[in-house]
């Protein structure tokens, strides 16, 4: 059974801005791409990332 992770806005913003912890998020994204784990994020957190980006 794969591990399941729930990402929040801060973790993805850190990844996008190459801040502290970005490497951890990158590793999870790679594992998810290889079907080694499952990643989820709530839609509200996606809107927060969108707001921070623009």
N, C-alpha and C. Protein backbone atom coordinates (compact mmCIF):
# COMPACT_ATOMS: atom_id res chain seq x y z
N UNK A 1 0.83 -1.18 0.00
CA UNK A 1 0.00 0.00 0.00
C UNK A 1 0.88 1.25 0.00
N UNK A 2 0.50 2.22 -0.82
CA UNK A 2 1.27 3.46 -0.92
C UNK A 2 0.97 4.40 0.24
N UNK A 3 1.95 5.23 0.57
CA UNK A 3 1.74 6.28 1.56
C UNK A 3 0.86 7.36 0.96
N UNK A 4 0.13 8.06 1.81
CA UNK A 4 -0.75 9.14 1.38
C UNK A 4 -0.30 10.42 2.08
N UNK A 5 -0.14 11.49 1.31
CA UNK A 5 0.27 12.79 1.85
C UNK A 5 -0.73 13.84 1.41
N UNK A 6 -0.99 14.78 2.31
CA UNK A 6 -1.86 15.91 2.00
C UNK A 6 -1.00 17.17 2.05
N UNK A 7 -0.92 17.85 0.93
CA UNK A 7 -0.11 19.06 0.85
C UNK A 7 -0.96 20.27 1.19
N UNK A 8 -0.34 21.26 1.82
CA UNK A 8 -1.03 22.51 2.07
C UNK A 8 -0.41 23.59 1.19
N UNK A 9 -0.99 24.77 1.23
CA UNK A 9 -0.53 25.85 0.37
C UNK A 9 0.92 26.23 0.68
N UNK A 10 1.27 26.28 1.95
CA UNK A 10 2.63 26.71 2.33
C UNK A 10 3.69 25.79 1.74
N UNK A 11 3.44 24.51 1.73
CA UNK A 11 4.44 23.58 1.19
C UNK A 11 4.64 23.78 -0.30
N UNK A 12 3.57 23.99 -1.04
CA UNK A 12 3.70 24.19 -2.48
C UNK A 12 4.25 25.57 -2.82
N UNK A 13 3.91 26.57 -2.04
CA UNK A 13 4.49 27.90 -2.26
C UNK A 13 5.99 27.85 -1.98
N UNK A 14 6.40 27.13 -0.93
CA UNK A 14 7.83 26.96 -0.65
C UNK A 14 8.52 26.26 -1.82
N UNK A 15 7.87 25.28 -2.40
CA UNK A 15 8.43 24.58 -3.55
C UNK A 15 8.57 25.53 -4.75
N UNK A 16 7.53 26.28 -5.02
CA UNK A 16 7.56 27.18 -6.18
C UNK A 16 8.57 28.31 -6.02
N UNK A 17 8.80 28.75 -4.78
CA UNK A 17 9.75 29.84 -4.52
C UNK A 17 11.13 29.33 -4.12
N UNK A 18 11.33 28.02 -4.18
CA UNK A 18 12.60 27.38 -3.82
C UNK A 18 13.06 27.78 -2.41
N UNK A 19 12.12 27.70 -1.48
CA UNK A 19 12.40 28.03 -0.09
C UNK A 19 12.74 26.76 0.68
N UNK A 20 12.96 26.94 1.99
CA UNK A 20 13.27 25.81 2.86
C UNK A 20 12.15 24.78 2.77
N UNK A 21 12.49 23.53 2.59
CA UNK A 21 11.51 22.45 2.48
C UNK A 21 11.13 22.11 1.05
N UNK A 22 11.61 22.90 0.10
CA UNK A 22 11.26 22.65 -1.31
C UNK A 22 11.74 21.28 -1.77
N UNK A 23 12.87 20.84 -1.26
CA UNK A 23 13.40 19.53 -1.66
C UNK A 23 12.49 18.39 -1.19
N UNK A 24 11.89 18.55 -0.02
CA UNK A 24 10.97 17.52 0.48
C UNK A 24 9.75 17.40 -0.42
N UNK A 25 9.21 18.55 -0.83
CA UNK A 25 8.04 18.55 -1.71
C UNK A 25 8.41 17.98 -3.07
N UNK A 26 9.58 18.32 -3.56
CA UNK A 26 10.05 17.79 -4.85
C UNK A 26 10.14 16.27 -4.79
N UNK A 27 10.69 15.74 -3.70
CA UNK A 27 10.79 14.29 -3.55
C UNK A 27 9.42 13.62 -3.55
N UNK A 28 8.45 14.25 -2.88
CA UNK A 28 7.10 13.70 -2.86
C UNK A 28 6.45 13.75 -4.25
N UNK A 29 6.69 14.83 -4.97
CA UNK A 29 6.14 14.93 -6.33
C UNK A 29 6.72 13.86 -7.24
N UNK A 30 8.01 13.59 -7.10
CA UNK A 30 8.65 12.55 -7.90
C UNK A 30 8.10 11.18 -7.52
N UNK A 31 7.98 10.92 -6.22
CA UNK A 31 7.42 9.64 -5.77
C UNK A 31 5.99 9.46 -6.27
N UNK A 32 5.22 10.53 -6.23
CA UNK A 32 3.85 10.46 -6.72
C UNK A 32 3.81 10.17 -8.21
N UNK A 33 4.72 10.77 -8.95
CA UNK A 33 4.80 10.51 -10.39
C UNK A 33 5.17 9.08 -10.71
N UNK A 34 5.90 8.44 -9.79
CA UNK A 34 6.29 7.04 -9.96
C UNK A 34 5.31 6.08 -9.29
N UNK A 35 4.16 6.57 -8.88
CA UNK A 35 3.13 5.78 -8.18
C UNK A 35 3.64 5.13 -6.90
N UNK A 36 4.56 5.81 -6.22
CA UNK A 36 5.06 5.31 -4.94
C UNK A 36 4.28 5.89 -3.76
N UNK A 37 3.52 6.96 -4.00
CA UNK A 37 2.69 7.55 -2.97
C UNK A 37 1.55 8.32 -3.64
N UNK A 38 0.60 8.73 -2.82
CA UNK A 38 -0.52 9.52 -3.32
C UNK A 38 -0.47 10.90 -2.68
N UNK A 39 -0.71 11.93 -3.48
CA UNK A 39 -0.72 13.31 -2.98
C UNK A 39 -2.09 13.91 -3.18
N UNK A 40 -2.52 14.68 -2.19
CA UNK A 40 -3.80 15.37 -2.27
C UNK A 40 -3.62 16.80 -1.80
N UNK A 41 -4.48 17.69 -2.29
CA UNK A 41 -4.51 19.07 -1.82
C UNK A 41 -5.96 19.55 -1.91
N UNK A 42 -6.36 20.33 -0.93
CA UNK A 42 -7.72 20.85 -0.93
C UNK A 42 -7.82 22.02 -1.91
N UNK A 43 -8.97 22.18 -2.51
CA UNK A 43 -9.17 23.22 -3.51
C UNK A 43 -8.92 24.62 -2.93
N UNK A 44 -9.25 24.83 -1.68
CA UNK A 44 -9.01 26.13 -1.06
C UNK A 44 -7.52 26.44 -1.04
N UNK A 45 -6.70 25.43 -0.78
CA UNK A 45 -5.26 25.63 -0.81
C UNK A 45 -4.76 25.97 -2.21
N UNK A 46 -5.38 25.37 -3.22
CA UNK A 46 -5.02 25.72 -4.59
C UNK A 46 -5.33 27.18 -4.89
N UNK A 47 -6.45 27.67 -4.41
CA UNK A 47 -6.80 29.07 -4.60
C UNK A 47 -5.81 29.98 -3.89
N UNK A 48 -5.34 29.56 -2.73
CA UNK A 48 -4.35 30.34 -2.00
C UNK A 48 -3.04 30.44 -2.79
N UNK A 49 -2.65 29.35 -3.42
CA UNK A 49 -1.45 29.36 -4.24
C UNK A 49 -1.65 30.26 -5.45
N UNK A 50 -2.82 30.17 -6.07
CA UNK A 50 -3.15 31.03 -7.21
C UNK A 50 -3.08 32.50 -6.80
N UNK A 51 -3.65 32.84 -5.64
CA UNK A 51 -3.64 34.20 -5.14
C UNK A 51 -2.20 34.67 -4.89
N UNK A 52 -1.38 33.83 -4.28
CA UNK A 52 0.00 34.19 -4.00
C UNK A 52 0.80 34.37 -5.29
N UNK A 53 0.48 33.57 -6.30
CA UNK A 53 1.22 33.65 -7.57
C UNK A 53 0.94 34.96 -8.29
N UNK A 54 -0.32 35.37 -8.29
CA UNK A 54 -0.68 36.60 -9.00
C UNK A 54 -0.74 37.76 -8.05
